[in-house]
Amino acid sequence: MRITLENGIPAAAASDRTEWPGLIVIAGPTATGKSRQALLLAQRLGSPLLNADSRQVYREFDIGTAKPTPAEQALWPHELIDIVDPCHTYTVAEFQQAAQARIAEAHRQGQTPILVGGTGLYIQSVTSGLGIPAVPPQPQLRRQLETWPPEIRYAWLQQLDPVAAQHIHPHDAVRTLRALEIVYATGKPASSLRRAHPPHYPILILGLRCPMPRLEQRIARRTAEMMERGWIEEVKTLRERYGPDLPLLQTLGYAEIGAYLEGRIPEAELQPLIVRRTRQFAKRQMTWFRALPGIQWLDCEVEDLPEQIWDRVTAWMTAQTPAETTAAAAEHRPCDP
């Protein structure tokens, strides 16, 4: 099969493709600038941009989830964002099905989609083709579990499914409930029910990171920016609309602001507490991503990061195409957006 070039990108008729196109993943811990870099790359490639953040799928949870702003979304379509209401429990299996369907559609159109986010299980469900247990939400069981404090539920999860607990933050009430739900519904840990069926297409996984002291500075800076943008007001509105017991309001950042609004945390302690717990969450993310096969790490703070990403992408692309396209691809590098 002869592969031609479109804007410097290897291209061919979708019906002829065997190894190409594939999937590009931009992953890493929170506050490393993944969304920005993915947006630049999507504009440069003309690729669909798919969200892989477990909280950005929910409508109305905007500031505290670091969801791309309306201005950023206006620059390029962001998909798998704002697709469910906060009252709905969106499972990993649902995300996997939606992501796989969109990737297949992109491939039929000859496009290489970009998957970006920090939810390791979301990403691995796609890149490894995990067999996610198809267990629907159990409302009665959830109501029973929710009568117990979050720390008790997490302790149960540590006993019943220690593998899953290693990858779930103690303050992540949504994922803790879901993992317990699967255990009680099936009688088996969720981690033991996952069987991998890797996709047939090539995958490039780029990870963004920096040393923890610098990452903590980035987290602190971003938390302050979120507060300035009205994060507390967002939480007030969501609590008034859905009630303080909404599971999503028990997740990182939202739970701490809720405690502040109830007078349980002094204002002076609020931001430092969120920063500290976000740093702990970032460490857990790094533990997950370090174990992700094939991930290529890049320093998120280097000045030429977009170009470094582009070099990795073009090298990967040409490795999937006949050698005759390599020189041509280098000659037709598109300009920065």
C-alpha atoms as a PDB file:
ATOM      1  CA  MET A   1       0.000   0.000   0.000  1.00  0.00           C
ATOM      2  CA  ARG A   2       1.379   3.427  -0.963  1.00  0.00           C
ATOM      3  CA  ILE A   3       0.829   6.054   1.735  1.00  0.00           C
ATOM      4  CA  THR A   4       0.548   9.693   0.700  1.00  0.00           C
ATOM      5  CA  LEU A   5       0.948  12.796   2.793  1.00  0.00           C
ATOM      6  CA  GLU A   6      -1.676  15.308   3.840  1.00  0.00           C
ATOM      7  CA  ASN A   7      -0.228  18.438   5.510  1.00  0.00           C
ATOM      8  CA  GLY A   8       2.876  16.461   6.337  1.00  0.00           C
ATOM      9  CA  ILE A   9       0.885  13.667   7.978  1.00  0.00           C
ATOM     10  CA  PRO A  10       1.003  10.106   6.569  1.00  0.00           C
ATOM     11  CA  ALA A  11      -2.428   9.342   5.166  1.00  0.00           C
ATOM     12  CA  ALA A  12      -4.191   6.594   3.226  1.00  0.00           C
ATOM     13  CA  ALA A  13      -7.661   5.431   2.347  1.00  0.00           C
ATOM     14  CA  ALA A  14      -9.416   4.235   5.485  1.00  0.00           C
ATOM     15  CA  SER A  15     -10.408   0.995   3.768  1.00  0.00           C
ATOM     16  CA  ASP A  16      -6.738   0.169   3.132  1.00  0.00           C
ATOM     17  CA  ARG A  17      -5.430   0.906   6.603  1.00  0.00           C
ATOM     18  CA  THR A  18      -4.039  -1.966   8.622  1.00  0.00           C
ATOM     19  CA  GLU A  19      -1.595  -0.419  11.088  1.00  0.00           C
ATOM     20  CA  TRP A  20      -2.482   3.234  10.520  1.00  0.00           C
ATOM     21  CA  PRO A  21      -4.018   5.375  11.931  1.00  0.00           C
ATOM     22  CA  GLY A  22      -3.524   4.701  15.613  1.00  0.00           C
ATOM     23  CA  LEU A  23      -4.049   6.516  18.909  1.00  0.00           C
ATOM     24  CA  ILE A  24      -1.994   9.170  20.687  1.00  0.00           C
ATOM     25  CA  VAL A  25      -2.312   9.422  24.473  1.00  0.00           C
ATOM     26  CA  ILE A  26      -1.131  12.372  26.559  1.00  0.00           C
ATOM     27  CA  ALA A  27      -1.171  11.368  30.215  1.00  0.00           C
ATOM     28  CA  GLY A  28       0.403  12.299  33.523  1.00  0.00           C
ATOM     29  CA  PRO A  29      -0.411  13.697  36.951  1.00  0.00           C
ATOM     30  CA  THR A  30      -2.602  16.699  37.554  1.00  0.00           C
ATOM     31  CA  ALA A  31      -1.340  20.236  36.854  1.00  0.00           C
ATOM     32  CA  THR A  32       1.244  19.207  34.239  1.00  0.00           C
ATOM     33  CA  GLY A  33      -0.464  21.044  31.372  1.00  0.00           C
ATOM     34  CA  LYS A  34      -1.766  17.986  29.521  1.00  0.00           C
ATOM     35  CA  SER A  35      -4.872  19.692  28.177  1.00  0.00           C
ATOM     36  CA  ARG A  36      -2.910  22.602  26.710  1.00  0.00           C
ATOM     37  CA  GLN A  37      -0.397  20.372  24.964  1.00  0.00           C
ATOM     38  CA  ALA A  38      -3.110  18.059  23.653  1.00  0.00           C
ATOM     39  CA  LEU A  39      -4.996  21.061  22.244  1.00  0.00           C
ATOM     40  CA  LEU A  40      -1.908  22.301  20.410  1.00  0.00           C
ATOM     41  CA  LEU A  41      -1.232  18.848  19.007  1.00  0.00           C
ATOM     42  CA  ALA A  42      -4.848  18.318  17.948  1.00  0.00           C
ATOM     43  CA  GLN A  43      -4.815  21.628  16.065  1.00  0.00           C
ATOM     44  CA  ARG A  44      -1.546  20.703  14.409  1.00  0.00           C
ATOM     45  CA  LEU A  45      -2.663  17.224  13.347  1.00  0.00           C
ATOM     46  CA  GLY A  46      -6.322  18.009  12.735  1.00  0.00           C
ATOM     47  CA  SER A  47      -7.173  15.189  15.157  1.00  0.00           C
ATOM     48  CA  PRO A  48     -10.214  14.506  17.330  1.00  0.00           C
ATOM     49  CA  LEU A  49      -9.468  15.406  20.958  1.00  0.00           C
ATOM     50  CA  LEU A  50     -10.969  12.997  23.515  1.00  0.00           C
ATOM     51  CA  ASN A  51     -11.166  13.571  27.256  1.00  0.00           C
ATOM     52  CA  ALA A  52      -9.948  10.879  29.683  1.00  0.00           C
ATOM     53  CA  ASP A  53     -10.664  12.634  32.986  1.00  0.00           C
ATOM     54  CA  SER A  54     -13.301  10.927  35.120  1.00  0.00           C
ATOM     55  CA  ARG A  55     -14.773  14.182  36.468  1.00  0.00           C
ATOM     56  CA  GLN A  56     -14.728  16.253  33.298  1.00  0.00           C
ATOM     57  CA  VAL A  57     -17.379  13.981  31.802  1.00  0.00           C
ATOM     58  CA  TYR A  58     -19.883  15.617  34.176  1.00  0.00           C
ATOM     59  CA  ARG A  59     -21.765  18.777  33.324  1.00  0.00           C
ATOM     60  CA  GLU A  60     -21.511  21.779  35.675  1.00  0.00           C
ATOM     61  CA  PHE A  61     -18.345  20.553  37.412  1.00  0.00           C
ATOM     62  CA  ASP A  62     -16.067  22.961  35.604  1.00  0.00           C
ATOM     63  CA  ILE A  63     -13.583  24.972  37.643  1.00  0.00           C
ATOM     64  CA  GLY A  64     -12.598  22.354  40.201  1.00  0.00           C
ATOM     65  CA  THR A  65     -12.032  19.690  37.564  1.00  0.00           C
ATOM     66  CA  ALA A  66      -9.741  21.967  35.507  1.00  0.00           C
ATOM     67  CA  LYS A  67     -12.057  21.437  32.566  1.00  0.00           C
ATOM     68  CA  PRO A  68     -10.980  23.307  29.416  1.00  0.00           C
ATOM     69  CA  THR A  69     -12.561  26.745  29.474  1.00  0.00           C
ATOM     70  CA  PRO A  70     -15.226  27.775  26.948  1.00  0.00           C
ATOM     71  CA  ALA A  71     -12.549  29.838  25.187  1.00  0.00           C
ATOM     72  CA  GLU A  72     -10.258  26.800  24.919  1.00  0.00           C
ATOM     73  CA  GLN A  73     -13.105  24.599  23.738  1.00  0.00           C
ATOM     74  CA  ALA A  74     -13.935  27.199  21.092  1.00  0.00           C
ATOM     75  CA  LEU A  75     -10.440  26.795  19.647  1.00  0.00           C
ATOM     76  CA  TRP A  76     -10.936  23.086  18.936  1.00  0.00           C
ATOM     77  CA  PRO A  77     -13.729  20.564  19.606  1.00  0.00           C
ATOM     78  CA  HIS A  78     -13.255  18.694  22.891  1.00  0.00           C
ATOM     79  CA  GLU A  79     -15.141  15.401  23.027  1.00  0.00           C
ATOM     80  CA  LEU A  80     -16.280  13.185  25.932  1.00  0.00           C
ATOM     81  CA  ILE A  81     -16.638  16.327  28.070  1.00  0.00           C
ATOM     82  CA  ASP A  82     -19.979  17.405  29.603  1.00  0.00           C
ATOM     83  CA  ILE A  83     -21.724  14.208  28.497  1.00  0.00           C
ATOM     84  CA  VAL A  84     -23.568  13.174  31.701  1.00  0.00           C
ATOM     85  CA  ASP A  85     -25.495  14.867  34.499  1.00  0.00           C
ATOM     86  CA  PRO A  86     -23.930  14.984  37.982  1.00  0.00           C
ATOM     87  CA  CYS A  87     -26.611  12.671  39.387  1.00  0.00           C
ATOM     88  CA  HIS A  88     -25.640   9.888  36.982  1.00  0.00           C
ATOM     89  CA  THR A  89     -22.934   7.411  37.935  1.00  0.00           C
ATOM     90  CA  TYR A  90     -20.741   7.162  34.853  1.00  0.00           C
ATOM     91  CA  THR A  91     -18.854   3.880  34.913  1.00  0.00           C
ATOM     92  CA  VAL A  92     -15.487   2.981  33.431  1.00  0.00           C
ATOM     93  CA  ALA A  93     -17.294   0.500  31.174  1.00  0.00           C
ATOM     94  CA  GLU A  94     -19.461   3.327  29.798  1.00  0.00           C
ATOM     95  CA  PHE A  95     -16.424   5.490  29.181  1.00  0.00           C
ATOM     96  CA  GLN A  96     -14.581   2.640  27.488  1.00  0.00           C
ATOM     97  CA  GLN A  97     -17.505   1.960  25.173  1.00  0.00           C
ATOM     98  CA  ALA A  98     -17.873   5.658  24.260  1.00  0.00           C
ATOM     99  CA  ALA A  99     -14.134   6.134  23.706  1.00  0.00           C
ATOM    100  CA  GLN A 100     -13.735   2.976  21.649  1.00  0.00           C
ATOM    101  CA  ALA A 101     -16.698   3.937  19.462  1.00  0.00           C
ATOM    102  CA  ARG A 102     -15.290   7.422  18.838  1.00  0.00           C
ATOM    103  CA  ILE A 103     -11.819   6.049  18.090  1.00  0.00           C
ATOM    104  CA  ALA A 104     -13.290   3.579  15.592  1.00  0.00           C
ATOM    105  CA  GLU A 105     -15.220   6.404  13.926  1.00  0.00           C
ATOM    106  CA  ALA A 106     -12.054   8.504  13.692  1.00  0.00           C
ATOM    107  CA  HIS A 107     -10.173   5.591  12.139  1.00  0.00           C
ATOM    108  CA  ARG A 108     -12.878   5.136   9.522  1.00  0.00           C
ATOM    109  CA  GLN A 109     -12.345   8.787   8.629  1.00  0.00           C
ATOM    110  CA  GLY A 110      -8.574   8.311   8.416  1.00  0.00           C
ATOM    111  CA  GLN A 111      -7.879  10.274  11.598  1.00  0.00           C
ATOM    112  CA  THR A 112      -5.594   9.578  14.550  1.00  0.00           C
ATOM    113  CA  PRO A 113      -7.421  10.685  17.703  1.00  0.00           C
ATOM    114  CA  ILE A 114      -5.745  12.088  20.804  1.00  0.00           C
ATOM    115  CA  LEU A 115      -6.789  10.824  24.246  1.00  0.00           C
ATOM    116  CA  VAL A 116      -5.830  13.171  27.089  1.00  0.00           C
ATOM    117  CA  GLY A 117      -6.366  13.010  30.820  1.00  0.00           C
ATOM    118  CA  GLY A 118      -5.138  11.931  34.214  1.00  0.00           C
ATOM    119  CA  THR A 119      -7.532   9.102  35.047  1.00  0.00           C
ATOM    120  CA  GLY A 120      -5.287   6.087  34.688  1.00  0.00           C
ATOM    121  CA  LEU A 121      -8.080   3.528  34.631  1.00  0.00           C
ATOM    122  CA  TYR A 122      -9.901   5.392  31.867  1.00  0.00           C
ATOM    123  CA  ILE A 123      -6.738   5.440  29.776  1.00  0.00           C
ATOM    124  CA  GLN A 124      -5.827   1.828  30.475  1.00  0.00           C
ATOM    125  CA  SER A 125      -9.365   0.685  29.681  1.00  0.00           C
ATOM    126  CA  VAL A 126      -8.681   1.875  26.125  1.00  0.00           C
ATOM    127  CA  THR A 127      -4.967   1.230  25.643  1.00  0.00           C
ATOM    128  CA  SER A 128      -5.070  -2.264  27.184  1.00  0.00           C
ATOM    129  CA  GLY A 129      -8.644  -3.098  26.214  1.00  0.00           C
ATOM    130  CA  LEU A 130      -9.529  -4.010  29.784  1.00  0.00           C
ATOM    131  CA  GLY A 131     -12.541  -6.250  30.233  1.00  0.00           C
ATOM    132  CA  ILE A 132     -14.505  -4.003  32.586  1.00  0.00           C
ATOM    133  CA  PRO A 133     -17.199  -5.746  34.672  1.00  0.00           C
ATOM    134  CA  ALA A 134     -20.594  -4.762  33.236  1.00  0.00           C
ATOM    135  CA  VAL A 135     -22.216  -4.147  36.608  1.00  0.00           C
ATOM    136  CA  PRO A 136     -25.013  -1.559  36.515  1.00  0.00           C
ATOM    137  CA  PRO A 137     -25.398   0.889  39.413  1.00  0.00           C
ATOM    138  CA  GLN A 138     -27.046  -0.635  42.492  1.00  0.00           C
ATOM    139  CA  PRO A 139     -29.132   2.209  44.036  1.00  0.00           C
ATOM    140  CA  GLN A 140     -30.267   0.277  47.117  1.00  0.00           C
ATOM    141  CA  LEU A 141     -26.763  -0.968  47.861  1.00  0.00           C
ATOM    142  CA  ARG A 142     -25.371   2.528  47.378  1.00  0.00           C
ATOM    143  CA  ARG A 143     -27.866   3.993  49.816  1.00  0.00           C
ATOM    144  CA  GLN A 144     -26.795   1.424  52.399  1.00  0.00           C
ATOM    145  CA  LEU A 145     -23.099   2.093  51.823  1.00  0.00           C
ATOM    146  CA  GLU A 146     -23.588   5.866  51.953  1.00  0.00           C
ATOM    147  CA  THR A 147     -24.881   5.607  55.527  1.00  0.00           C
ATOM    148  CA  TRP A 148     -21.308   4.884  56.560  1.00  0.00           C
ATOM    149  CA  PRO A 149     -18.568   7.551  56.715  1.00  0.00           C
ATOM    150  CA  PRO A 150     -16.247   7.752  53.666  1.00  0.00           C
ATOM    151  CA  GLU A 151     -13.226   6.633  55.681  1.00  0.00           C
ATOM    152  CA  ILE A 152     -15.041   3.453  56.741  1.00  0.00           C
ATOM    153  CA  ARG A 153     -16.043   2.687  53.149  1.00  0.00           C
ATOM    154  CA  TYR A 154     -12.460   3.153  52.010  1.00  0.00           C
ATOM    155  CA  ALA A 155     -11.218   0.852  54.797  1.00  0.00           C
ATOM    156  CA  TRP A 156     -13.656  -1.800  53.560  1.00  0.00           C
ATOM    157  CA  LEU A 157     -12.327  -1.407  50.044  1.00  0.00           C
ATOM    158  CA  GLN A 158      -8.766  -1.841  51.300  1.00  0.00           C
ATOM    159  CA  GLN A 159      -9.831  -5.163  52.808  1.00  0.00           C
ATOM    160  CA  LEU A 160     -12.048  -6.395  49.967  1.00  0.00           C
ATOM    161  CA  ASP A 161     -10.041  -5.178  46.966  1.00  0.00           C
ATOM    162  CA  PRO A 162      -6.595  -3.927  48.028  1.00  0.00           C
ATOM    163  CA  VAL A 163      -5.411  -3.756  44.406  1.00  0.00           C
ATOM    164  CA  ALA A 164      -8.199  -1.328  43.482  1.00  0.00           C
ATOM    165  CA  ALA A 165      -7.689   0.648  46.694  1.00  0.00           C
ATOM    166  CA  GLN A 166      -4.064   1.322  45.751  1.00  0.00           C
ATOM    167  CA  HIS A 167      -5.285   3.293  42.735  1.00  0.00           C
ATOM    168  CA  ILE A 168      -8.195   5.136  44.378  1.00  0.00           C
ATOM    169  CA  HIS A 169      -7.640   8.187  46.547  1.00  0.00           C
ATOM    170  CA  PRO A 170      -9.131   7.875  50.070  1.00  0.00           C
ATOM    171  CA  HIS A 171     -11.216  10.984  49.362  1.00  0.00           C
ATOM    172  CA  ASP A 172     -12.545   9.721  46.023  1.00  0.00           C
ATOM    173  CA  ALA A 173     -15.999   8.714  47.224  1.00  0.00           C
ATOM    174  CA  VAL A 174     -17.333   8.058  43.712  1.00  0.00           C
ATOM    175  CA  ARG A 175     -14.752   5.452  42.712  1.00  0.00           C
ATOM    176  CA  THR A 176     -14.700   3.912  46.199  1.00  0.00           C
ATOM    177  CA  LEU A 177     -18.457   3.345  46.040  1.00  0.00           C
ATOM    178  CA  ARG A 178     -18.211   1.931  42.541  1.00  0.00           C
ATOM    179  CA  ALA A 179     -15.473  -0.534  43.505  1.00  0.00           C
ATOM    180  CA  LEU A 180     -17.464  -1.702  46.524  1.00  0.00           C
ATOM    181  CA  GLU A 181     -20.551  -1.989  44.350  1.00  0.00           C
ATOM    182  CA  ILE A 182     -18.764  -4.400  42.014  1.00  0.00           C
ATOM    183  CA  VAL A 183     -17.442  -6.480  44.909  1.00  0.00           C
ATOM    184  CA  TYR A 184     -20.868  -6.889  46.500  1.00  0.00           C
ATOM    185  CA  ALA A 185     -22.690  -7.407  43.189  1.00  0.00           C
ATOM    186  CA  THR A 186     -20.310 -10.064  41.830  1.00  0.00           C
ATOM    187  CA  GLY A 187     -18.694 -11.486  44.942  1.00  0.00           C
ATOM    188  CA  LYS A 188     -15.288 -10.770  43.398  1.00  0.00           C
ATOM    189  CA  PRO A 189     -12.883  -7.812  43.484  1.00  0.00           C
ATOM    190  CA  ALA A 190     -13.176  -5.547  40.460  1.00  0.00           C
ATOM    191  CA  SER A 191      -9.434  -5.854  39.913  1.00  0.00           C
ATOM    192  CA  SER A 192      -9.742  -9.643  39.463  1.00  0.00           C
ATOM    193  CA  LEU A 193     -12.498  -9.314  36.845  1.00  0.00           C
ATOM    194  CA  ARG A 194     -10.492  -7.240  34.379  1.00  0.00           C
ATOM    195  CA  ARG A 195      -9.035  -9.140  31.456  1.00  0.00           C
ATOM    196  CA  ALA A 196      -7.072  -7.281  28.805  1.00  0.00           C
ATOM    197  CA  HIS A 197      -7.883  -7.421  25.087  1.00  0.00           C
ATOM    198  CA  PRO A 198      -5.386  -4.937  23.596  1.00  0.00           C
ATOM    199  CA  PRO A 199      -6.525  -3.025  20.490  1.00  0.00           C
ATOM    200  CA  HIS A 200      -4.967  -3.911  17.129  1.00  0.00           C
ATOM    201  CA  TYR A 201      -3.918  -0.359  16.232  1.00  0.00           C
ATOM    202  CA  PRO A 202      -0.603   1.283  17.243  1.00  0.00           C
ATOM    203  CA  ILE A 203      -0.584   3.512  20.320  1.00  0.00           C
ATOM    204  CA  LEU A 204       1.810   6.270  21.345  1.00  0.00           C
ATOM    205  CA  ILE A 205       1.667   7.178  25.055  1.00  0.00           C
ATOM    206  CA  LEU A 206       3.367  10.414  26.110  1.00  0.00           C
ATOM    207  CA  GLY A 207       3.601  11.227  29.805  1.00  0.00           C
ATOM    208  CA  LEU A 208       4.155  14.724  31.204  1.00  0.00           C
ATOM    209  CA  ARG A 209       5.868  15.104  34.556  1.00  0.00           C
ATOM    210  CA  CYS A 210       8.296  17.208  36.603  1.00  0.00           C
ATOM    211  CA  PRO A 211       9.995  16.818  40.004  1.00  0.00           C
ATOM    212  CA  MET A 212       7.521  16.847  42.884  1.00  0.00           C
ATOM    213  CA  PRO A 213       8.657  20.186  44.406  1.00  0.00           C
ATOM    214  CA  ARG A 214       7.996  21.910  41.079  1.00  0.00           C
ATOM    215  CA  LEU A 215       4.742  20.031  40.613  1.00  0.00           C
ATOM    216  CA  GLU A 216       3.580  21.172  44.042  1.00  0.00           C
ATOM    217  CA  GLN A 217       4.285  24.775  43.006  1.00  0.00           C
ATOM    218  CA  ARG A 218       2.211  24.254  39.877  1.00  0.00           C
ATOM    219  CA  ILE A 219      -0.600  22.734  41.945  1.00  0.00           C
ATOM    220  CA  ALA A 220      -0.540  25.665  44.377  1.00  0.00           C
ATOM    221  CA  ARG A 221      -0.570  28.184  41.537  1.00  0.00           C
ATOM    222  CA  ARG A 222      -3.438  26.447  39.755  1.00  0.00           C
ATOM    223  CA  THR A 223      -5.463  26.087  42.971  1.00  0.00           C
ATOM    224  CA  ALA A 224      -5.138  29.847  43.565  1.00  0.00           C
ATOM    225  CA  GLU A 225      -6.256  30.514  39.987  1.00  0.00           C
ATOM    226  CA  MET A 226      -9.278  28.245  40.461  1.00  0.00           C
ATOM    227  CA  MET A 227     -10.256  30.162  43.582  1.00  0.00           C
ATOM    228  CA  GLU A 228      -9.952  33.441  41.700  1.00  0.00           C
ATOM    229  CA  ARG A 229     -12.194  32.069  38.941  1.00  0.00           C
ATOM    230  CA  GLY A 230     -14.953  31.329  41.457  1.00  0.00           C
ATOM    231  CA  TRP A 231     -14.492  27.743  42.582  1.00  0.00           C
ATOM    232  CA  ILE A 232     -16.157  28.386  45.947  1.00  0.00           C
ATOM    233  CA  GLU A 233     -19.182  29.905  44.212  1.00  0.00           C
ATOM    234  CA  GLU A 234     -19.324  26.895  41.899  1.00  0.00           C
ATOM    235  CA  VAL A 235     -19.459  24.569  44.915  1.00  0.00           C
ATOM    236  CA  LYS A 236     -22.148  26.706  46.569  1.00  0.00           C
ATOM    237  CA  THR A 237     -24.297  26.517  43.442  1.00  0.00           C
ATOM    238  CA  LEU A 238     -23.842  22.765  43.072  1.00  0.00           C
ATOM    239  CA  ARG A 239     -24.673  22.130  46.737  1.00  0.00           C
ATOM    240  CA  GLU A 240     -27.836  24.214  46.435  1.00  0.00           C
ATOM    241  CA  ARG A 241     -28.867  22.418  43.244  1.00  0.00           C
ATOM    242  CA  TYR A 242     -28.007  18.813  44.126  1.00  0.00           C
ATOM    243  CA  GLY A 243     -27.556  18.766  47.893  1.00  0.00           C
ATOM    244  CA  PRO A 244     -24.312  18.392  49.860  1.00  0.00           C
ATOM    245  CA  ASP A 245     -24.429  14.581  49.749  1.00  0.00           C
ATOM    246  CA  LEU A 246     -23.966  14.309  45.981  1.00  0.00           C
ATOM    247  CA  PRO A 247     -21.053  11.841  45.548  1.00  0.00           C
ATOM    248  CA  LEU A 248     -19.193  14.149  43.171  1.00  0.00           C
ATOM    249  CA  LEU A 249     -19.203  16.819  45.878  1.00  0.00           C
ATOM    250  CA  GLN A 250     -17.214  14.416  48.065  1.00  0.00           C
ATOM    251  CA  THR A 251     -14.306  14.294  45.600  1.00  0.00           C
ATOM    252  CA  LEU A 252     -10.974  16.114  45.758  1.00  0.00           C
ATOM    253  CA  GLY A 253     -11.301  19.862  46.251  1.00  0.00           C
ATOM    254  CA  TYR A 254     -15.085  19.890  46.297  1.00  0.00           C
ATOM    255  CA  ALA A 255     -15.167  18.037  49.631  1.00  0.00           C
ATOM    256  CA  GLU A 256     -12.725  20.458  51.238  1.00  0.00           C
ATOM    257  CA  ILE A 257     -14.646  23.510  50.023  1.00  0.00           C
ATOM    258  CA  GLY A 258     -17.865  21.902  51.282  1.00  0.00           C
ATOM    259  CA  ALA A 259     -16.285  21.473  54.706  1.00  0.00           C
ATOM    260  CA  TYR A 260     -15.227  25.133  54.621  1.00  0.00           C
ATOM    261  CA  LEU A 261     -18.770  26.235  53.732  1.00  0.00           C
ATOM    262  CA  GLU A 262     -20.065  24.212  56.691  1.00  0.00           C
ATOM    263  CA  GLY A 263     -17.602  25.915  59.016  1.00  0.00           C
ATOM    264  CA  ARG A 264     -15.467  22.825  59.594  1.00  0.00           C
ATOM    265  CA  ILE A 265     -12.325  24.239  57.944  1.00  0.00           C
ATOM    266  CA  PRO A 266     -10.993  27.779  58.562  1.00  0.00           C
ATOM    267  CA  GLU A 267     -10.541  29.902  55.444  1.00  0.00           C
ATOM    268  CA  ALA A 268      -6.796  30.212  56.033  1.00  0.00           C
ATOM    269  CA  GLU A 269      -6.419  26.420  55.936  1.00  0.00           C
ATOM    270  CA  LEU A 270      -8.579  25.728  52.888  1.00  0.00           C
ATOM    271  CA  GLN A 271      -6.135  26.294  50.021  1.00  0.00           C
ATOM    272  CA  PRO A 272      -3.146  24.656  51.757  1.00  0.00           C
ATOM    273  CA  LEU A 273      -5.312  21.610  52.493  1.00  0.00           C
ATOM    274  CA  ILE A 274      -6.452  21.313  48.875  1.00  0.00           C
ATOM    275  CA  VAL A 275      -2.864  21.693  47.660  1.00  0.00           C
ATOM    276  CA  ARG A 276      -1.615  19.033  50.057  1.00  0.00           C
ATOM    277  CA  ARG A 277      -4.293  16.528  49.109  1.00  0.00           C
ATOM    278  CA  THR A 278      -3.868  17.275  45.417  1.00  0.00           C
ATOM    279  CA  ARG A 279      -0.143  16.585  45.785  1.00  0.00           C
ATOM    280  CA  GLN A 280      -0.970  13.245  47.411  1.00  0.00           C
ATOM    281  CA  PHE A 281      -3.324  12.499  44.536  1.00  0.00           C
ATOM    282  CA  ALA A 282      -0.611  13.371  42.008  1.00  0.00           C
ATOM    283  CA  LYS A 283       1.734  10.879  43.664  1.00  0.00           C
ATOM    284  CA  ARG A 284      -0.892   8.168  43.251  1.00  0.00           C
ATOM    285  CA  GLN A 285      -1.327   9.132  39.609  1.00  0.00           C
ATOM    286  CA  MET A 286       2.426   8.830  39.061  1.00  0.00           C
ATOM    287  CA  THR A 287       2.425   5.369  40.637  1.00  0.00           C
ATOM    288  CA  TRP A 288      -0.256   4.320  38.156  1.00  0.00           C
ATOM    289  CA  PHE A 289       1.354   5.856  35.086  1.00  0.00           C
ATOM    290  CA  ARG A 290       4.839   4.525  35.850  1.00  0.00           C
ATOM    291  CA  ALA A 291       3.372   1.044  35.436  1.00  0.00           C
ATOM    292  CA  LEU A 292       1.776   1.893  32.082  1.00  0.00           C
ATOM    293  CA  PRO A 293       3.629  -0.095  29.393  1.00  0.00           C
ATOM    294  CA  GLY A 294       5.413   1.925  26.725  1.00  0.00           C
ATOM    295  CA  ILE A 295       4.921   5.386  28.215  1.00  0.00           C
ATOM    296  CA  GLN A 296       7.475   7.972  27.051  1.00  0.00           C
ATOM    297  CA  TRP A 297       8.147  10.697  29.604  1.00  0.00           C
ATOM    298  CA  LEU A 298       8.704  14.392  28.902  1.00  0.00           C
ATOM    299  CA  ASP A 299       9.450  17.275  31.281  1.00  0.00           C
ATOM    300  CA  CYS A 300       6.306  19.410  31.348  1.00  0.00           C
ATOM    301  CA  GLU A 301       8.267  22.606  32.060  1.00  0.00           C
ATOM    302  CA  VAL A 302      10.721  22.711  29.156  1.00  0.00           C
ATOM    303  CA  GLU A 303      10.206  25.691  26.864  1.00  0.00           C
ATOM    304  CA  ASP A 304      10.124  23.649  23.664  1.00  0.00           C
ATOM    305  CA  LEU A 305       7.673  21.030  24.946  1.00  0.00           C
ATOM    306  CA  PRO A 306       5.271  21.364  21.970  1.00  0.00           C
ATOM    307  CA  GLU A 307       8.157  20.717  19.592  1.00  0.00           C
ATOM    308  CA  GLN A 308       9.431  17.792  21.656  1.00  0.00           C
ATOM    309  CA  ILE A 309       5.964  16.273  21.542  1.00  0.00           C
ATOM    310  CA  TRP A 310       5.781  16.872  17.809  1.00  0.00           C
ATOM    311  CA  ASP A 311       9.129  15.153  17.277  1.00  0.00           C
ATOM    312  CA  ARG A 312       7.952  12.087  19.229  1.00  0.00           C
ATOM    313  CA  VAL A 313       4.708  12.002  17.266  1.00  0.00           C
ATOM    314  CA  THR A 314       6.313  12.296  13.833  1.00  0.00           C
ATOM    315  CA  ALA A 315       8.937   9.672  14.711  1.00  0.00           C
ATOM    316  CA  TRP A 316       6.164   7.318  15.810  1.00  0.00           C
ATOM    317  CA  MET A 317       4.085   8.059  12.729  1.00  0.00           C
ATOM    318  CA  THR A 318       6.887   7.392  10.290  1.00  0.00           C
ATOM    319  CA  ALA A 319       7.713   4.163  12.123  1.00  0.00           C
ATOM    320  CA  GLN A 320       4.212   2.949  11.207  1.00  0.00           C
ATOM    321  CA  THR A 321       4.560   3.848   7.505  1.00  0.00           C
ATOM    322  CA  PRO A 322       6.828   2.732   4.665  1.00  0.00           C
ATOM    323  CA  ALA A 323      10.354   4.161   4.728  1.00  0.00           C
ATOM    324  CA  GLU A 324       9.679   6.144   1.532  1.00  0.00           C
ATOM    325  CA  THR A 325       7.468   8.552   3.478  1.00  0.00           C
ATOM    326  CA  THR A 326      10.011   9.377   6.181  1.00  0.00           C
ATOM    327  CA  ALA A 327      11.965  12.033   4.286  1.00  0.00           C
ATOM    328  CA  ALA A 328       8.827  13.587   2.880  1.00  0.00           C
ATOM    329  CA  ALA A 329       7.274  13.843   6.323  1.00  0.00           C
ATOM    330  CA  ALA A 330      10.297  15.774   7.588  1.00  0.00           C
ATOM    331  CA  GLU A 331      10.086  18.197   4.637  1.00  0.00           C
ATOM    332  CA  HIS A 332       6.397  18.970   5.185  1.00  0.00           C
ATOM    333  CA  ARG A 333       6.292  19.738   8.899  1.00  0.00           C
ATOM    334  CA  PRO A 334       3.286  22.008   9.442  1.00  0.00           C
ATOM    335  CA  CYS A 335       3.775  25.351  11.115  1.00  0.00           C
ATOM    336  CA  ASP A 336       2.826  25.927  14.738  1.00  0.00           C
ATOM    337  CA  PRO A 337      -0.795  26.985  15.159  1.00  0.00           C
END
